Amino acid sequence: MQKDLSNYRKSYEKSELTERTVKENPLEQFQKWFHEVEASDGVDEPNAMTVATIGLDGFPKSRVVLMKKFTFEGFIFYTNYQSEKGKAIEANPSVCLSFFWPNMERQVIIKGTAEKIAENLSDGYFESRPTGSQLGAIVSDQSKVIPSREHLEEELDKLEKKYDGKEIQRPEYWGGYLVRPISIEFWQGRPNRLHDRIRYSLQDDLDWKIERLAP
């Protein structure tokens, strides 16, 4: 099987990114871009991001998860701590996050360190989830091999009966991670593949160094 994609071409012409117009703090720049993507109404889930980790087998692995909050400290997402990504982060907390917003011809690439958030914060978010999502977090032994889809649905049915009319507590193995960034790159598509790339790097004095990268 073979398919030649060499003729797939697109000219990126929607915007520009300059040192003169970017914010001094990358989290403020991220907020600006995120709000612009939200307002554009051209991306179903603008908070979808790729999380890349180094697995216990030594291979990098990327998967898409949903960012649930961003602050001046960093970016928060939730998962099963015993999942493949959870075990990878426990062994090596250095991760990379990336956002791709094709309608705006933009990418954001974030290098940082992941750490578990406070338990009360994970509790609060878990309580805000729909019942089905709460039970889904409990029933899924994430990343483990299971015999069938039917097995998963049968286990969910048991949990629905068990917790009918009862409060559902967050399991200890499920919660949030905060990724504290050390580097954030903003990528804006430009004509002739001369894309704008502005990188913020965290310095020892906690200021951000701003540099332009060749496309």
C-alpha atoms as a PDB file:
ATOM      1  CA  MET A   1       0.000   0.000   0.000  1.00  0.00           C
ATOM      2  CA  GLN A   2       1.273   3.436  -0.907  1.00  0.00           C
ATOM      3  CA  LYS A   3      -0.094   6.957  -1.074  1.00  0.00           C
ATOM      4  CA  ASP A   4       1.932   9.967  -2.166  1.00  0.00           C
ATOM      5  CA  LEU A   5       1.062  13.102  -0.162  1.00  0.00           C
ATOM      6  CA  SER A   6       3.742  15.349  -1.634  1.00  0.00           C
ATOM      7  CA  ASN A   7       1.146  17.496  -3.411  1.00  0.00           C
ATOM      8  CA  TYR A   8      -0.705  18.381  -0.197  1.00  0.00           C
ATOM      9  CA  ARG A   9      -0.074  22.115  -0.005  1.00  0.00           C
ATOM     10  CA  LYS A  10      -1.487  25.040   1.950  1.00  0.00           C
ATOM     11  CA  SER A  11      -0.461  28.681   2.160  1.00  0.00           C
ATOM     12  CA  TYR A  12      -0.657  30.066   5.696  1.00  0.00           C
ATOM     13  CA  GLU A  13      -1.770  33.697   5.545  1.00  0.00           C
ATOM     14  CA  LYS A  14      -4.185  34.398   8.407  1.00  0.00           C
ATOM     15  CA  SER A  15      -1.986  36.209  10.911  1.00  0.00           C
ATOM     16  CA  GLU A  16       1.499  37.099  12.106  1.00  0.00           C
ATOM     17  CA  LEU A  17       3.441  36.938  15.357  1.00  0.00           C
ATOM     18  CA  THR A  18       6.091  39.529  16.210  1.00  0.00           C
ATOM     19  CA  GLU A  19       8.278  40.351  19.174  1.00  0.00           C
ATOM     20  CA  ARG A  20       6.647  43.776  19.237  1.00  0.00           C
ATOM     21  CA  THR A  21       3.116  42.459  19.738  1.00  0.00           C
ATOM     22  CA  VAL A  22       3.595  39.444  22.049  1.00  0.00           C
ATOM     23  CA  LYS A  23       2.938  39.674  25.778  1.00  0.00           C
ATOM     24  CA  GLU A  24       5.877  39.754  28.205  1.00  0.00           C
ATOM     25  CA  ASN A  25       4.526  36.681  30.001  1.00  0.00           C
ATOM     26  CA  PRO A  26       3.822  33.525  27.938  1.00  0.00           C
ATOM     27  CA  LEU A  27       0.783  32.583  30.051  1.00  0.00           C
ATOM     28  CA  GLU A  28      -0.790  35.917  29.126  1.00  0.00           C
ATOM     29  CA  GLN A  29       0.058  35.262  25.483  1.00  0.00           C
ATOM     30  CA  PHE A  30      -1.481  31.796  25.753  1.00  0.00           C
ATOM     31  CA  GLN A  31      -4.639  33.279  27.279  1.00  0.00           C
ATOM     32  CA  LYS A  32      -4.868  35.791  24.414  1.00  0.00           C
ATOM     33  CA  TRP A  33      -4.533  33.093  21.773  1.00  0.00           C
ATOM     34  CA  PHE A  34      -6.887  30.700  23.556  1.00  0.00           C
ATOM     35  CA  HIS A  35      -9.615  33.338  23.782  1.00  0.00           C
ATOM     36  CA  GLU A  36      -9.158  34.168  20.102  1.00  0.00           C
ATOM     37  CA  VAL A  37      -9.548  30.499  19.165  1.00  0.00           C
ATOM     38  CA  GLU A  38     -12.660  30.228  21.364  1.00  0.00           C
ATOM     39  CA  ALA A  39     -14.153  33.325  19.730  1.00  0.00           C
ATOM     40  CA  SER A  40     -13.409  32.019  16.242  1.00  0.00           C
ATOM     41  CA  ASP A  41     -15.809  29.092  16.817  1.00  0.00           C
ATOM     42  CA  GLY A  42     -13.767  27.000  14.410  1.00  0.00           C
ATOM     43  CA  VAL A  43     -12.445  24.319  16.773  1.00  0.00           C
ATOM     44  CA  ASP A  44     -14.732  21.833  18.539  1.00  0.00           C
ATOM     45  CA  GLU A  45     -12.471  21.439  21.584  1.00  0.00           C
ATOM     46  CA  PRO A  46      -9.868  24.214  21.765  1.00  0.00           C
ATOM     47  CA  ASN A  47      -8.716  22.756  25.098  1.00  0.00           C
ATOM     48  CA  ALA A  48      -7.667  19.466  23.473  1.00  0.00           C
ATOM     49  CA  MET A  49      -3.916  19.056  23.790  1.00  0.00           C
ATOM     50  CA  THR A  50      -1.337  16.389  23.105  1.00  0.00           C
ATOM     51  CA  VAL A  51       0.587  15.149  26.140  1.00  0.00           C
ATOM     52  CA  ALA A  52       3.928  13.488  25.382  1.00  0.00           C
ATOM     53  CA  THR A  53       5.759  11.426  27.993  1.00  0.00           C
ATOM     54  CA  ILE A  54       8.718   9.055  28.083  1.00  0.00           C
ATOM     55  CA  GLY A  55       7.322   5.603  28.867  1.00  0.00           C
ATOM     56  CA  LEU A  56       8.778   2.968  31.137  1.00  0.00           C
ATOM     57  CA  ASP A  57       9.820   1.117  27.965  1.00  0.00           C
ATOM     58  CA  GLY A  58      12.000   4.081  26.965  1.00  0.00           C
ATOM     59  CA  PHE A  59       9.793   5.146  24.070  1.00  0.00           C
ATOM     60  CA  PRO A  60       8.065   8.522  23.831  1.00  0.00           C
ATOM     61  CA  LYS A  61       4.287   8.370  23.616  1.00  0.00           C
ATOM     62  CA  SER A  62       1.765  11.078  22.793  1.00  0.00           C
ATOM     63  CA  ARG A  63      -1.966  11.153  23.377  1.00  0.00           C
ATOM     64  CA  VAL A  64      -4.704  13.789  23.304  1.00  0.00           C
ATOM     65  CA  VAL A  65      -6.290  14.834  26.597  1.00  0.00           C
ATOM     66  CA  LEU A  66      -8.391  17.810  27.643  1.00  0.00           C
ATOM     67  CA  MET A  67      -6.860  20.709  29.513  1.00  0.00           C
ATOM     68  CA  LYS A  68      -9.262  21.701  32.291  1.00  0.00           C
ATOM     69  CA  LYS A  69      -7.591  24.831  33.632  1.00  0.00           C
ATOM     70  CA  PHE A  70      -4.672  27.164  33.034  1.00  0.00           C
ATOM     71  CA  THR A  71      -3.223  29.713  35.441  1.00  0.00           C
ATOM     72  CA  PHE A  72       0.029  31.632  35.869  1.00  0.00           C
ATOM     73  CA  GLU A  73       1.387  28.425  37.428  1.00  0.00           C
ATOM     74  CA  GLY A  74       0.707  26.261  34.387  1.00  0.00           C
ATOM     75  CA  PHE A  75      -1.708  23.821  32.773  1.00  0.00           C
ATOM     76  CA  ILE A  76      -3.973  21.289  34.517  1.00  0.00           C
ATOM     77  CA  PHE A  77      -5.410  18.020  33.229  1.00  0.00           C
ATOM     78  CA  TYR A  78      -6.895  14.945  34.937  1.00  0.00           C
ATOM     79  CA  THR A  79      -6.210  11.255  34.500  1.00  0.00           C
ATOM     80  CA  ASN A  80      -5.774   7.908  36.213  1.00  0.00           C
ATOM     81  CA  TYR A  81      -2.498   8.015  38.152  1.00  0.00           C
ATOM     82  CA  GLN A  82      -2.055   4.270  37.533  1.00  0.00           C
ATOM     83  CA  SER A  83      -2.459   4.580  33.769  1.00  0.00           C
ATOM     84  CA  GLU A  84       0.431   4.308  31.346  1.00  0.00           C
ATOM     85  CA  LYS A  85       0.841   8.079  31.286  1.00  0.00           C
ATOM     86  CA  GLY A  86       0.553   8.285  35.076  1.00  0.00           C
ATOM     87  CA  LYS A  87       3.317   5.731  35.583  1.00  0.00           C
ATOM     88  CA  ALA A  88       5.452   7.476  32.965  1.00  0.00           C
ATOM     89  CA  ILE A  89       5.050  10.827  34.725  1.00  0.00           C
ATOM     90  CA  GLU A  90       5.875   9.269  38.086  1.00  0.00           C
ATOM     91  CA  ALA A  91       9.133   7.912  36.653  1.00  0.00           C
ATOM     92  CA  ASN A  92       9.962  11.008  34.593  1.00  0.00           C
ATOM     93  CA  PRO A  93       7.871  14.152  35.205  1.00  0.00           C
ATOM     94  CA  SER A  94       9.361  15.969  32.188  1.00  0.00           C
ATOM     95  CA  VAL A  95       6.540  16.257  29.651  1.00  0.00           C
ATOM     96  CA  CYS A  96       5.598  18.147  26.513  1.00  0.00           C
ATOM     97  CA  LEU A  97       2.161  19.593  25.786  1.00  0.00           C
ATOM     98  CA  SER A  98       1.080  20.818  22.376  1.00  0.00           C
ATOM     99  CA  PHE A  99      -2.020  22.549  21.048  1.00  0.00           C
ATOM    100  CA  PHE A 100      -2.914  22.666  17.340  1.00  0.00           C
ATOM    101  CA  TRP A 101      -5.571  25.103  16.174  1.00  0.00           C
ATOM    102  CA  PRO A 102      -5.686  24.658  12.383  1.00  0.00           C
ATOM    103  CA  ASN A 103      -8.447  27.202  11.797  1.00  0.00           C
ATOM    104  CA  MET A 104      -6.103  29.899  13.150  1.00  0.00           C
ATOM    105  CA  GLU A 105      -2.965  28.268  11.679  1.00  0.00           C
ATOM    106  CA  ARG A 106      -1.416  28.134  15.152  1.00  0.00           C
ATOM    107  CA  GLN A 107       0.469  25.756  17.425  1.00  0.00           C
ATOM    108  CA  VAL A 108       1.665  26.078  21.004  1.00  0.00           C
ATOM    109  CA  ILE A 109       4.400  23.739  22.276  1.00  0.00           C
ATOM    110  CA  ILE A 110       5.078  23.581  26.006  1.00  0.00           C
ATOM    111  CA  LYS A 111       7.918  21.841  27.825  1.00  0.00           C
ATOM    112  CA  GLY A 112       7.505  21.478  31.558  1.00  0.00           C
ATOM    113  CA  THR A 113       7.387  19.393  34.678  1.00  0.00           C
ATOM    114  CA  ALA A 114       4.218  17.603  35.807  1.00  0.00           C
ATOM    115  CA  GLU A 115       3.197  17.298  39.451  1.00  0.00           C
ATOM    116  CA  LYS A 116       0.046  16.102  41.178  1.00  0.00           C
ATOM    117  CA  ILE A 117      -2.288  18.867  42.307  1.00  0.00           C
ATOM    118  CA  ALA A 118      -3.663  19.061  45.855  1.00  0.00           C
ATOM    119  CA  GLU A 119      -6.180  16.340  46.698  1.00  0.00           C
ATOM    120  CA  ASN A 120      -8.918  18.846  47.567  1.00  0.00           C
ATOM    121  CA  LEU A 121      -8.606  20.364  44.087  1.00  0.00           C
ATOM    122  CA  SER A 122      -8.975  16.934  42.485  1.00  0.00           C
ATOM    123  CA  ASP A 123     -11.951  16.280  44.790  1.00  0.00           C
ATOM    124  CA  GLY A 124     -13.608  19.514  43.697  1.00  0.00           C
ATOM    125  CA  TYR A 125     -13.228  18.780  40.018  1.00  0.00           C
ATOM    126  CA  PHE A 126     -14.371  15.169  40.424  1.00  0.00           C
ATOM    127  CA  GLU A 127     -17.524  16.347  42.218  1.00  0.00           C
ATOM    128  CA  SER A 128     -18.282  18.693  39.309  1.00  0.00           C
ATOM    129  CA  ARG A 129     -18.285  15.860  36.754  1.00  0.00           C
ATOM    130  CA  PRO A 130     -21.481  14.182  35.543  1.00  0.00           C
ATOM    131  CA  THR A 131     -22.313  10.915  37.298  1.00  0.00           C
ATOM    132  CA  GLY A 132     -21.461   8.894  34.204  1.00  0.00           C
ATOM    133  CA  SER A 133     -17.995  10.424  34.020  1.00  0.00           C
ATOM    134  CA  GLN A 134     -17.438   9.788  37.743  1.00  0.00           C
ATOM    135  CA  LEU A 135     -18.351   6.127  37.361  1.00  0.00           C
ATOM    136  CA  GLY A 136     -16.274   5.894  34.195  1.00  0.00           C
ATOM    137  CA  ALA A 137     -13.193   7.008  36.128  1.00  0.00           C
ATOM    138  CA  ILE A 138     -13.815   4.261  38.681  1.00  0.00           C
ATOM    139  CA  VAL A 139     -14.700   1.412  36.343  1.00  0.00           C
ATOM    140  CA  SER A 140     -11.820   1.932  33.924  1.00  0.00           C
ATOM    141  CA  ASP A 141      -8.585   0.230  34.917  1.00  0.00           C
ATOM    142  CA  GLN A 142      -6.956   2.585  32.473  1.00  0.00           C
ATOM    143  CA  SER A 143      -4.333   1.218  30.069  1.00  0.00           C
ATOM    144  CA  LYS A 144      -4.838  -2.368  31.266  1.00  0.00           C
ATOM    145  CA  VAL A 145      -5.863  -5.161  28.886  1.00  0.00           C
ATOM    146  CA  ILE A 146      -9.554  -6.113  29.246  1.00  0.00           C
ATOM    147  CA  PRO A 147     -11.406  -9.105  27.726  1.00  0.00           C
ATOM    148  CA  SER A 148     -14.093  -7.183  25.840  1.00  0.00           C
ATOM    149  CA  ARG A 149     -16.288  -4.110  25.549  1.00  0.00           C
ATOM    150  CA  GLU A 150     -19.085  -6.126  27.128  1.00  0.00           C
ATOM    151  CA  HIS A 151     -16.944  -6.708  30.229  1.00  0.00           C
ATOM    152  CA  LEU A 152     -16.518  -2.941  30.649  1.00  0.00           C
ATOM    153  CA  GLU A 153     -20.230  -2.279  30.255  1.00  0.00           C
ATOM    154  CA  GLU A 154     -21.110  -5.050  32.711  1.00  0.00           C
ATOM    155  CA  GLU A 155     -18.774  -3.550  35.309  1.00  0.00           C
ATOM    156  CA  LEU A 156     -20.311  -0.129  34.745  1.00  0.00           C
ATOM    157  CA  ASP A 157     -23.784  -1.589  35.222  1.00  0.00           C
ATOM    158  CA  LYS A 158     -22.710  -3.040  38.578  1.00  0.00           C
ATOM    159  CA  LEU A 159     -21.364   0.334  39.692  1.00  0.00           C
ATOM    160  CA  GLU A 160     -24.527   2.144  38.625  1.00  0.00           C
ATOM    161  CA  LYS A 161     -26.542  -0.168  40.860  1.00  0.00           C
ATOM    162  CA  LYS A 162     -24.038   0.089  43.716  1.00  0.00           C
ATOM    163  CA  TYR A 163     -24.041   3.895  43.752  1.00  0.00           C
ATOM    164  CA  ASP A 164     -27.705   4.446  42.896  1.00  0.00           C
ATOM    165  CA  GLY A 165     -28.764   7.424  45.008  1.00  0.00           C
ATOM    166  CA  LYS A 166     -25.391   7.577  46.783  1.00  0.00           C
ATOM    167  CA  GLU A 167     -22.558  10.080  46.709  1.00  0.00           C
ATOM    168  CA  ILE A 168     -19.588   8.974  44.623  1.00  0.00           C
ATOM    169  CA  GLN A 169     -16.154   9.586  46.123  1.00  0.00           C
ATOM    170  CA  ARG A 170     -13.105  10.286  43.994  1.00  0.00           C
ATOM    171  CA  PRO A 171     -10.829   7.235  43.894  1.00  0.00           C
ATOM    172  CA  GLU A 172      -7.317   7.886  45.214  1.00  0.00           C
ATOM    173  CA  TYR A 173      -5.786   6.727  41.935  1.00  0.00           C
ATOM    174  CA  TRP A 174      -7.511   9.438  39.896  1.00  0.00           C
ATOM    175  CA  GLY A 175      -6.728  13.145  39.943  1.00  0.00           C
ATOM    176  CA  GLY A 176      -5.073  16.136  38.372  1.00  0.00           C
ATOM    177  CA  TYR A 177      -1.618  17.103  37.181  1.00  0.00           C
ATOM    178  CA  LEU A 178      -0.230  20.608  36.952  1.00  0.00           C
ATOM    179  CA  VAL A 179       2.390  21.097  34.251  1.00  0.00           C
ATOM    180  CA  ARG A 180       4.716  23.936  35.228  1.00  0.00           C
ATOM    181  CA  PRO A 181       6.245  25.283  32.002  1.00  0.00           C
ATOM    182  CA  ILE A 182       9.927  25.990  31.480  1.00  0.00           C
ATOM    183  CA  SER A 183       9.567  26.702  27.756  1.00  0.00           C
ATOM    184  CA  ILE A 184       6.566  27.809  25.672  1.00  0.00           C
ATOM    185  CA  GLU A 185       6.773  28.205  21.898  1.00  0.00           C
ATOM    186  CA  PHE A 186       4.098  30.001  19.881  1.00  0.00           C
ATOM    187  CA  TRP A 187       3.950  29.019  16.208  1.00  0.00           C
ATOM    188  CA  GLN A 188       2.023  31.080  13.653  1.00  0.00           C
ATOM    189  CA  GLY A 189       1.782  29.845  10.085  1.00  0.00           C
ATOM    190  CA  ARG A 190       3.076  32.299   7.456  1.00  0.00           C
ATOM    191  CA  PRO A 191       3.411  32.283   3.642  1.00  0.00           C
ATOM    192  CA  ASN A 192       6.238  30.380   1.916  1.00  0.00           C
ATOM    193  CA  ARG A 193       6.781  28.237   5.020  1.00  0.00           C
ATOM    194  CA  LEU A 194       8.514  31.201   6.724  1.00  0.00           C
ATOM    195  CA  HIS A 195       6.479  30.646   9.859  1.00  0.00           C
ATOM    196  CA  ASP A 196       6.719  32.836  12.947  1.00  0.00           C
ATOM    197  CA  ARG A 197       8.135  31.006  15.981  1.00  0.00           C
ATOM    198  CA  ILE A 198       8.484  32.888  19.255  1.00  0.00           C
ATOM    199  CA  ARG A 199       9.892  30.966  22.221  1.00  0.00           C
ATOM    200  CA  TYR A 200       9.742  31.938  25.879  1.00  0.00           C
ATOM    201  CA  SER A 201      12.363  30.293  28.126  1.00  0.00           C
ATOM    202  CA  LEU A 202      12.185  30.487  31.924  1.00  0.00           C
ATOM    203  CA  GLN A 203      15.358  31.955  33.442  1.00  0.00           C
ATOM    204  CA  ASP A 204      16.938  31.378  36.860  1.00  0.00           C
ATOM    205  CA  ASP A 205      15.516  34.697  38.107  1.00  0.00           C
ATOM    206  CA  LEU A 206      12.035  33.495  36.986  1.00  0.00           C
ATOM    207  CA  ASP A 207      11.856  36.054  34.171  1.00  0.00           C
ATOM    208  CA  TRP A 208      11.045  34.867  30.660  1.00  0.00           C
ATOM    209  CA  LYS A 209      13.535  35.214  27.823  1.00  0.00           C
ATOM    210  CA  ILE A 210      11.868  35.841  24.460  1.00  0.00           C
ATOM    211  CA  GLU A 211      13.577  34.646  21.259  1.00  0.00           C
ATOM    212  CA  ARG A 212      12.623  34.175  17.617  1.00  0.00           C
ATOM    213  CA  LEU A 213      13.392  30.787  16.077  1.00  0.00           C
ATOM    214  CA  ALA A 214      14.046  30.070  12.413  1.00  0.00           C
ATOM    215  CA  PRO A 215      11.094  28.308  10.811  1.00  0.00           C
END
